[in-house]
């Protein structure tokens, strides 16, 4: 089989990880989802909680002890750079499916990449079981404009 990379971006509750796993298994290729976070934790040497916090906060500070006392670094930028490198290495190593983490953007120059984005129609009703509890309690922006999403789930794919 020719080397290929499939990136899957998705709205919460659209089932991206489940669909990605199915595709990877069907094609017999690697599947990366939370593995990327594990690799970033390993390479940066900071806790998983701090790395995950950088997903939602653009200014995560990390304390470093120096001879002049504690100093604070912006961890978000470091995590982003390491994540870019990790995703590029995974794509170079073997054919794979990569879920989220801006992989479509990071790999935009590669000609062997299929970029997929999954939309979930009425994500809080149809795909409720895929959402963490705290998100079930929040209104999704798509609920405010259901005409834009239509009645059916949509899958869009663009190959470069």
N, C-alpha and C. Protein backbone atom coordinates (compact mmCIF):
# COMPACT_ATOMS: atom_id res chain seq x y z
N UNK A 1 0.85 -1.18 0.00
CA UNK A 1 0.00 0.00 0.00
C UNK A 1 0.90 1.24 0.00
N UNK A 2 0.49 2.24 -0.75
CA UNK A 2 1.20 3.52 -0.82
C UNK A 2 1.09 4.24 0.53
N UNK A 3 2.16 4.94 0.91
CA UNK A 3 2.16 5.70 2.16
C UNK A 3 1.07 6.77 2.13
N UNK A 4 0.25 6.82 3.19
CA UNK A 4 -0.79 7.85 3.27
C UNK A 4 -1.03 8.22 4.72
N UNK A 5 -1.49 9.45 4.88
CA UNK A 5 -1.84 9.96 6.21
C UNK A 5 -3.25 10.51 6.11
N UNK A 6 -4.10 10.12 7.04
CA UNK A 6 -5.47 10.62 7.09
C UNK A 6 -5.60 11.43 8.38
N UNK A 7 -5.97 12.71 8.24
CA UNK A 7 -6.21 13.53 9.42
C UNK A 7 -7.71 13.70 9.57
N UNK A 8 -8.20 13.55 10.79
CA UNK A 8 -9.62 13.69 11.05
C UNK A 8 -9.82 14.75 12.13
N UNK A 9 -10.45 15.83 11.73
CA UNK A 9 -10.87 16.86 12.67
C UNK A 9 -12.37 16.69 12.86
N UNK A 10 -12.89 17.07 14.00
CA UNK A 10 -14.32 16.87 14.21
C UNK A 10 -14.86 17.78 15.30
N UNK A 11 -16.17 17.97 15.25
CA UNK A 11 -16.86 18.65 16.34
C UNK A 11 -16.99 17.65 17.49
N UNK A 12 -17.11 18.18 18.69
CA UNK A 12 -17.33 17.31 19.84
C UNK A 12 -18.59 16.51 19.62
N UNK A 13 -18.51 15.23 19.91
CA UNK A 13 -19.68 14.36 19.80
C UNK A 13 -19.91 13.79 18.42
N UNK A 14 -19.07 14.12 17.44
CA UNK A 14 -19.26 13.63 16.08
C UNK A 14 -18.71 12.22 15.90
N UNK A 15 -18.01 11.69 16.88
CA UNK A 15 -17.51 10.32 16.80
C UNK A 15 -16.19 10.19 16.07
N UNK A 16 -15.41 11.26 15.99
CA UNK A 16 -14.14 11.23 15.27
C UNK A 16 -13.19 10.12 15.70
N UNK A 17 -12.92 9.97 16.99
CA UNK A 17 -12.01 8.89 17.40
C UNK A 17 -12.53 7.50 17.04
N UNK A 18 -13.82 7.27 17.17
CA UNK A 18 -14.38 5.97 16.84
C UNK A 18 -14.27 5.69 15.34
N UNK A 19 -14.59 6.68 14.53
CA UNK A 19 -14.51 6.53 13.08
C UNK A 19 -13.05 6.37 12.65
N UNK A 20 -12.17 7.17 13.25
CA UNK A 20 -10.74 7.06 12.93
C UNK A 20 -10.18 5.70 13.25
N UNK A 21 -10.55 5.16 14.41
CA UNK A 21 -10.10 3.81 14.80
C UNK A 21 -10.60 2.77 13.80
N UNK A 22 -11.85 2.90 13.39
CA UNK A 22 -12.43 1.97 12.41
C UNK A 22 -11.66 2.02 11.09
N UNK A 23 -11.37 3.22 10.61
CA UNK A 23 -10.64 3.38 9.35
C UNK A 23 -9.23 2.79 9.46
N UNK A 24 -8.54 3.11 10.55
CA UNK A 24 -7.18 2.60 10.74
C UNK A 24 -7.17 1.07 10.79
N UNK A 25 -8.11 0.49 11.52
CA UNK A 25 -8.19 -0.97 11.60
C UNK A 25 -8.50 -1.58 10.23
N UNK A 26 -9.43 -0.97 9.49
CA UNK A 26 -9.81 -1.48 8.18
C UNK A 26 -8.64 -1.42 7.20
N UNK A 27 -7.82 -0.39 7.30
CA UNK A 27 -6.68 -0.23 6.38
C UNK A 27 -5.40 -0.86 6.91
N UNK A 28 -5.42 -1.29 8.17
CA UNK A 28 -4.23 -1.89 8.78
C UNK A 28 -3.10 -0.89 8.98
N UNK A 29 -3.44 0.33 9.38
CA UNK A 29 -2.43 1.36 9.60
C UNK A 29 -2.50 1.87 11.04
N UNK A 30 -1.51 2.66 11.43
CA UNK A 30 -1.44 3.19 12.79
C UNK A 30 -2.57 4.18 13.06
N UNK A 31 -2.94 4.29 14.34
CA UNK A 31 -3.98 5.21 14.78
C UNK A 31 -3.43 6.04 15.93
N UNK A 32 -3.51 7.37 15.80
CA UNK A 32 -3.01 8.26 16.85
C UNK A 32 -4.11 9.22 17.30
N UNK A 33 -4.36 9.22 18.58
CA UNK A 33 -5.33 10.15 19.16
C UNK A 33 -4.69 10.72 20.42
N UNK A 34 -4.94 10.12 21.55
CA UNK A 34 -4.36 10.58 22.81
C UNK A 34 -2.86 10.26 22.90
N UNK A 35 -2.36 9.40 22.01
CA UNK A 35 -0.94 9.05 21.98
C UNK A 35 -0.08 10.30 21.77
N UNK A 36 -0.63 11.27 21.05
CA UNK A 36 0.11 12.50 20.78
C UNK A 36 0.38 13.25 22.08
N UNK A 37 -0.64 13.32 22.94
CA UNK A 37 -0.47 13.98 24.24
C UNK A 37 0.58 13.24 25.06
N UNK A 38 0.54 11.91 25.06
CA UNK A 38 1.52 11.12 25.80
C UNK A 38 2.94 11.41 25.33
N UNK A 39 3.11 11.51 24.03
CA UNK A 39 4.44 11.79 23.47
C UNK A 39 4.91 13.20 23.83
N UNK A 40 4.00 14.17 23.82
CA UNK A 40 4.34 15.55 24.20
C UNK A 40 4.74 15.59 25.68
N UNK A 41 4.01 14.88 26.53
CA UNK A 41 4.35 14.80 27.95
C UNK A 41 5.75 14.23 28.12
N UNK A 42 6.03 13.16 27.38
CA UNK A 42 7.34 12.51 27.46
C UNK A 42 8.47 13.46 27.03
N UNK A 43 8.25 14.20 25.96
CA UNK A 43 9.31 15.06 25.42
C UNK A 43 9.49 16.37 26.20
N UNK A 44 8.42 16.88 26.80
CA UNK A 44 8.54 18.14 27.55
C UNK A 44 8.89 17.92 29.02
N UNK A 45 8.53 16.74 29.53
CA UNK A 45 8.82 16.44 30.93
C UNK A 45 7.89 17.12 31.92
N UNK A 46 6.75 17.61 31.45
CA UNK A 46 5.77 18.23 32.36
C UNK A 46 4.58 17.29 32.51
N UNK A 47 3.75 17.59 33.49
CA UNK A 47 2.62 16.70 33.78
C UNK A 47 1.58 16.71 32.65
N UNK A 48 0.86 15.62 32.56
CA UNK A 48 -0.20 15.48 31.55
C UNK A 48 -1.27 16.55 31.75
N UNK A 49 -1.59 16.87 33.00
CA UNK A 49 -2.61 17.89 33.28
C UNK A 49 -2.21 19.24 32.69
N UNK A 50 -0.95 19.61 32.83
CA UNK A 50 -0.49 20.89 32.28
C UNK A 50 -0.54 20.88 30.76
N UNK A 51 -0.14 19.77 30.14
CA UNK A 51 -0.18 19.68 28.68
C UNK A 51 -1.62 19.78 28.19
N UNK A 52 -2.54 19.09 28.85
CA UNK A 52 -3.94 19.15 28.44
C UNK A 52 -4.54 20.54 28.68
N UNK A 53 -4.05 21.22 29.70
CA UNK A 53 -4.54 22.58 29.98
C UNK A 53 -4.19 23.53 28.84
N UNK A 54 -3.08 23.28 28.13
CA UNK A 54 -2.69 24.15 27.02
C UNK A 54 -3.68 24.07 25.86
N UNK A 55 -4.52 23.04 25.83
CA UNK A 55 -5.56 22.93 24.79
C UNK A 55 -6.61 24.02 24.93
N UNK A 56 -6.86 24.45 26.16
CA UNK A 56 -7.95 25.40 26.39
C UNK A 56 -7.47 26.77 26.87
N UNK A 57 -6.21 26.86 27.27
CA UNK A 57 -5.69 28.12 27.78
C UNK A 57 -4.43 28.51 27.01
N UNK A 58 -4.42 29.68 26.44
CA UNK A 58 -3.30 30.12 25.61
C UNK A 58 -2.11 30.63 26.42
N UNK A 59 -2.25 30.69 27.74
CA UNK A 59 -1.18 31.27 28.55
C UNK A 59 -0.93 30.43 29.80
N UNK A 60 -0.51 29.20 29.62
CA UNK A 60 -0.24 28.31 30.74
C UNK A 60 1.20 28.54 31.20
N UNK A 61 1.35 28.93 32.45
CA UNK A 61 2.68 29.20 33.01
C UNK A 61 3.24 27.95 33.68
N UNK A 62 4.55 27.78 33.57
CA UNK A 62 5.25 26.65 34.14
C UNK A 62 6.40 27.19 34.97
N UNK A 63 6.45 26.78 36.24
CA UNK A 63 7.49 27.29 37.15
C UNK A 63 8.79 26.50 37.00
N UNK A 64 9.88 27.22 36.88
CA UNK A 64 11.21 26.61 36.79
C UNK A 64 12.07 27.23 37.88
N UNK A 65 12.70 26.38 38.69
CA UNK A 65 13.59 26.89 39.73
C UNK A 65 14.95 27.22 39.12
N UNK A 66 15.44 28.40 39.42
CA UNK A 66 16.77 28.82 38.96
C UNK A 66 17.57 29.31 40.16
N UNK A 67 18.83 29.61 39.94
CA UNK A 67 19.67 30.11 41.03
C UNK A 67 19.20 31.49 41.51
N UNK A 68 18.41 32.17 40.69
CA UNK A 68 17.87 33.48 41.06
C UNK A 68 16.46 33.38 41.64
N UNK A 69 16.01 32.16 41.87
CA UNK A 69 14.66 31.94 42.37
C UNK A 69 13.75 31.42 41.25
N UNK A 70 12.48 31.23 41.56
CA UNK A 70 11.58 30.67 40.55
C UNK A 70 11.34 31.64 39.38
N UNK A 71 11.28 31.07 38.19
CA UNK A 71 10.94 31.82 36.98
C UNK A 71 9.78 31.10 36.32
N UNK A 72 8.98 31.85 35.58
CA UNK A 72 7.81 31.28 34.94
C UNK A 72 7.93 31.36 33.43
N UNK A 73 7.71 30.24 32.78
CA UNK A 73 7.78 30.16 31.32
C UNK A 73 6.39 29.92 30.76
N UNK A 74 6.15 30.37 29.54
CA UNK A 74 4.88 30.09 28.87
C UNK A 74 4.97 28.68 28.28
N UNK A 75 4.29 27.75 28.89
CA UNK A 75 4.33 26.36 28.46
C UNK A 75 3.56 26.13 27.17
N UNK A 76 2.55 26.95 26.89
CA UNK A 76 1.70 26.74 25.73
C UNK A 76 2.52 26.70 24.44
N UNK A 77 3.41 27.66 24.26
CA UNK A 77 4.22 27.70 23.04
C UNK A 77 5.10 26.46 22.90
N UNK A 78 5.71 26.05 24.00
CA UNK A 78 6.57 24.86 23.98
C UNK A 78 5.77 23.62 23.59
N UNK A 79 4.60 23.46 24.17
CA UNK A 79 3.75 22.31 23.86
C UNK A 79 3.36 22.31 22.39
N UNK A 80 3.02 23.46 21.85
CA UNK A 80 2.62 23.56 20.45
C UNK A 80 3.78 23.14 19.54
N UNK A 81 4.98 23.64 19.80
CA UNK A 81 6.13 23.29 18.96
C UNK A 81 6.44 21.79 19.03
N UNK A 82 6.40 21.23 20.23
CA UNK A 82 6.67 19.80 20.39
C UNK A 82 5.58 18.99 19.69
N UNK A 83 4.33 19.42 19.83
CA UNK A 83 3.22 18.72 19.18
C UNK A 83 3.38 18.72 17.66
N UNK A 84 3.79 19.84 17.09
CA UNK A 84 4.05 19.92 15.64
C UNK A 84 5.09 18.87 15.25
N UNK A 85 6.19 18.81 16.00
CA UNK A 85 7.25 17.85 15.68
C UNK A 85 6.77 16.41 15.82
N UNK A 86 6.03 16.12 16.87
CA UNK A 86 5.53 14.77 17.11
C UNK A 86 4.62 14.33 15.96
N UNK A 87 3.72 15.19 15.55
CA UNK A 87 2.79 14.84 14.46
C UNK A 87 3.56 14.64 13.15
N UNK A 88 4.52 15.48 12.86
CA UNK A 88 5.32 15.32 11.64
C UNK A 88 6.09 13.99 11.67
N UNK A 89 6.65 13.63 12.84
CA UNK A 89 7.39 12.37 12.96
C UNK A 89 6.47 11.18 12.76
N UNK A 90 5.27 11.23 13.33
CA UNK A 90 4.32 10.12 13.19
C UNK A 90 3.91 9.95 11.73
N UNK A 91 3.67 11.06 11.04
CA UNK A 91 3.27 11.01 9.63
C UNK A 91 4.41 10.50 8.75
N UNK A 92 5.62 10.83 9.10
CA UNK A 92 6.78 10.40 8.31
C UNK A 92 7.08 8.92 8.52
N UNK A 93 6.87 8.44 9.74
CA UNK A 93 7.23 7.08 10.12
C UNK A 93 6.45 6.02 9.35
N UNK A 94 5.12 6.19 9.28
CA UNK A 94 4.29 5.17 8.63
C UNK A 94 2.93 5.74 8.27
N UNK A 95 2.20 5.01 7.45
CA UNK A 95 0.83 5.40 7.14
C UNK A 95 0.04 5.41 8.44
N UNK A 96 -0.87 6.40 8.58
CA UNK A 96 -1.58 6.50 9.85
C UNK A 96 -2.84 7.36 9.72
N UNK A 97 -3.67 7.26 10.77
CA UNK A 97 -4.83 8.13 10.96
C UNK A 97 -4.52 8.96 12.20
N UNK A 98 -4.65 10.29 12.09
CA UNK A 98 -4.38 11.18 13.22
C UNK A 98 -5.65 11.96 13.53
N UNK A 99 -6.06 11.90 14.79
CA UNK A 99 -7.27 12.60 15.23
C UNK A 99 -6.91 13.97 15.79
N UNK A 100 -7.53 15.01 15.23
CA UNK A 100 -7.44 16.36 15.78
C UNK A 100 -6.05 16.92 15.92
N UNK A 101 -5.86 17.77 16.93
CA UNK A 101 -4.60 18.40 17.28
C UNK A 101 -4.01 19.21 16.12
N UNK A 102 -4.88 19.76 15.27
CA UNK A 102 -4.47 20.60 14.13
C UNK A 102 -3.58 19.87 13.13
N UNK A 103 -3.69 18.55 13.08
CA UNK A 103 -2.84 17.76 12.19
C UNK A 103 -3.04 18.15 10.73
N UNK A 104 -4.27 18.51 10.35
CA UNK A 104 -4.49 18.92 8.96
C UNK A 104 -3.65 20.14 8.60
N UNK A 105 -3.56 21.08 9.51
CA UNK A 105 -2.75 22.29 9.28
C UNK A 105 -1.26 21.97 9.32
N UNK A 106 -0.86 21.19 10.31
CA UNK A 106 0.56 20.86 10.48
C UNK A 106 1.10 20.12 9.26
N UNK A 107 0.26 19.28 8.66
CA UNK A 107 0.70 18.46 7.51
C UNK A 107 0.22 19.01 6.18
N UNK A 108 -0.13 20.28 6.13
CA UNK A 108 -0.74 20.86 4.93
C UNK A 108 0.14 20.77 3.68
N UNK A 109 1.45 20.69 3.85
CA UNK A 109 2.36 20.64 2.70
C UNK A 109 2.53 19.23 2.13
N UNK A 110 2.09 18.24 2.87
CA UNK A 110 2.27 16.85 2.42
C UNK A 110 1.24 16.51 1.34
N UNK A 111 1.71 15.86 0.30
CA UNK A 111 0.83 15.48 -0.81
C UNK A 111 0.13 14.15 -0.56
N UNK A 112 0.58 13.40 0.45
CA UNK A 112 0.00 12.08 0.73
C UNK A 112 -1.02 12.13 1.87
N UNK A 113 -1.61 13.31 2.11
CA UNK A 113 -2.51 13.48 3.24
C UNK A 113 -3.94 13.71 2.78
N UNK A 114 -4.86 12.95 3.35
CA UNK A 114 -6.29 13.14 3.15
C UNK A 114 -6.82 13.82 4.40
N UNK A 115 -7.43 14.98 4.21
CA UNK A 115 -7.95 15.75 5.35
C UNK A 115 -9.46 15.58 5.42
N UNK A 116 -9.96 15.15 6.57
CA UNK A 116 -11.38 14.91 6.77
C UNK A 116 -11.85 15.72 7.96
N UNK A 117 -13.03 16.31 7.86
CA UNK A 117 -13.63 16.98 9.01
C UNK A 117 -15.05 16.44 9.17
N UNK A 118 -15.38 16.01 10.40
CA UNK A 118 -16.69 15.43 10.68
C UNK A 118 -17.56 16.44 11.42
N UNK A 119 -18.75 16.65 10.89
CA UNK A 119 -19.73 17.51 11.54
C UNK A 119 -20.79 16.62 12.16
N UNK A 120 -21.26 16.97 13.33
CA UNK A 120 -22.34 16.22 13.95
C UNK A 120 -23.61 17.05 13.95
N UNK A 121 -24.67 16.54 13.34
CA UNK A 121 -25.95 17.25 13.37
C UNK A 121 -26.54 17.10 14.76
N UNK A 122 -26.97 18.21 15.33
CA UNK A 122 -27.53 18.22 16.68
C UNK A 122 -26.65 17.42 17.63
N UNK A 123 -25.41 17.84 17.81
CA UNK A 123 -24.46 17.04 18.57
C UNK A 123 -24.87 16.71 19.99
N UNK A 124 -25.70 17.55 20.62
CA UNK A 124 -26.07 17.25 22.00
C UNK A 124 -27.22 16.26 22.09
N UNK A 125 -27.87 15.97 20.97
CA UNK A 125 -28.96 15.01 20.98
C UNK A 125 -28.55 13.71 20.31
N UNK A 126 -28.05 13.79 19.09
CA UNK A 126 -27.72 12.60 18.32
C UNK A 126 -26.48 11.90 18.86
N UNK A 127 -25.45 12.66 19.23
CA UNK A 127 -24.17 12.08 19.64
C UNK A 127 -23.89 12.29 21.12
N UNK A 128 -24.93 12.39 21.92
CA UNK A 128 -24.80 12.71 23.33
C UNK A 128 -23.86 11.77 24.08
N UNK A 129 -23.84 10.50 23.74
CA UNK A 129 -23.02 9.54 24.49
C UNK A 129 -21.52 9.76 24.31
N UNK A 130 -21.12 10.51 23.27
CA UNK A 130 -19.70 10.76 23.03
C UNK A 130 -19.17 11.98 23.77
N UNK A 131 -20.04 12.74 24.40
CA UNK A 131 -19.62 13.97 25.05
C UNK A 131 -19.34 13.77 26.54
N UNK A 132 -18.29 14.40 27.04
CA UNK A 132 -18.07 14.38 28.48
C UNK A 132 -19.24 15.05 29.21
N UNK A 133 -19.47 14.66 30.44
CA UNK A 133 -20.61 15.15 31.23
C UNK A 133 -20.69 16.67 31.27
N UNK A 134 -19.56 17.35 31.48
CA UNK A 134 -19.59 18.81 31.62
C UNK A 134 -20.05 19.49 30.33
N UNK A 135 -19.81 18.88 29.18
CA UNK A 135 -20.23 19.48 27.93
C UNK A 135 -21.69 19.20 27.63
N UNK A 136 -22.25 18.14 28.19
CA UNK A 136 -23.66 17.83 28.00
C UNK A 136 -24.53 18.93 28.62
N UNK A 137 -24.00 19.58 29.64
CA UNK A 137 -24.77 20.59 30.35
C UNK A 137 -24.70 21.95 29.66
N UNK A 138 -23.81 22.10 28.68
CA UNK A 138 -23.68 23.38 27.98
C UNK A 138 -24.43 23.32 26.65
N UNK A 139 -24.96 24.46 26.23
CA UNK A 139 -25.58 24.53 24.91
C UNK A 139 -24.49 24.62 23.86
N UNK A 140 -24.63 23.84 22.81
CA UNK A 140 -23.68 23.86 21.71
C UNK A 140 -24.06 24.97 20.74
N UNK A 141 -23.09 25.71 20.19
CA UNK A 141 -23.41 26.80 19.26
C UNK A 141 -24.26 26.34 18.08
N UNK A 142 -24.12 25.09 17.68
CA UNK A 142 -24.89 24.58 16.53
C UNK A 142 -26.38 24.55 16.83
N UNK A 143 -26.75 24.44 18.11
CA UNK A 143 -28.17 24.42 18.46
C UNK A 143 -28.84 25.75 18.14
N UNK A 144 -28.07 26.80 18.08
CA UNK A 144 -28.63 28.12 17.83
C UNK A 144 -28.91 28.36 16.35
N UNK A 145 -28.33 27.55 15.49
CA UNK A 145 -28.57 27.72 14.05
C UNK A 145 -28.66 26.35 13.37
N UNK A 146 -29.69 25.55 13.68
CA UNK A 146 -29.79 24.20 13.13
C UNK A 146 -29.96 24.19 11.61
N UNK A 147 -30.47 25.24 11.01
CA UNK A 147 -30.64 25.27 9.57
C UNK A 147 -29.29 25.20 8.85
N UNK A 148 -28.27 25.78 9.47
CA UNK A 148 -26.94 25.76 8.87
C UNK A 148 -26.39 24.34 8.77
N UNK A 149 -26.65 23.51 9.79
CA UNK A 149 -26.13 22.16 9.80
C UNK A 149 -27.00 21.18 9.03
N UNK A 150 -28.26 21.48 8.87
CA UNK A 150 -29.14 20.55 8.18
C UNK A 150 -29.56 19.42 9.10
N UNK A 151 -30.31 18.49 8.59
CA UNK A 151 -30.84 17.40 9.39
C UNK A 151 -29.89 16.20 9.48
N UNK A 152 -29.01 16.03 8.50
CA UNK A 152 -28.13 14.87 8.47
C UNK A 152 -26.71 15.25 8.86
N UNK A 153 -25.98 14.29 9.41
CA UNK A 153 -24.55 14.51 9.65
C UNK A 153 -23.87 14.59 8.30
N UNK A 154 -22.80 15.38 8.24
CA UNK A 154 -22.08 15.54 6.98
C UNK A 154 -20.62 15.16 7.20
N UNK A 155 -20.02 14.62 6.18
CA UNK A 155 -18.60 14.37 6.19
C UNK A 155 -18.01 15.08 4.98
N UNK A 156 -17.03 15.91 5.21
CA UNK A 156 -16.36 16.55 4.09
C UNK A 156 -14.93 16.10 4.07
N UNK A 157 -14.41 15.83 2.88
CA UNK A 157 -13.03 15.40 2.75
C UNK A 157 -12.40 16.15 1.59
N UNK A 158 -11.15 16.53 1.78
CA UNK A 158 -10.43 17.20 0.71
C UNK A 158 -9.02 16.61 0.63
N UNK A 159 -8.68 16.09 -0.51
CA UNK A 159 -7.33 15.57 -0.70
C UNK A 159 -6.53 16.57 -1.49
N UNK A 160 -5.34 16.83 -1.04
CA UNK A 160 -4.46 17.76 -1.77
C UNK A 160 -3.71 17.03 -2.85
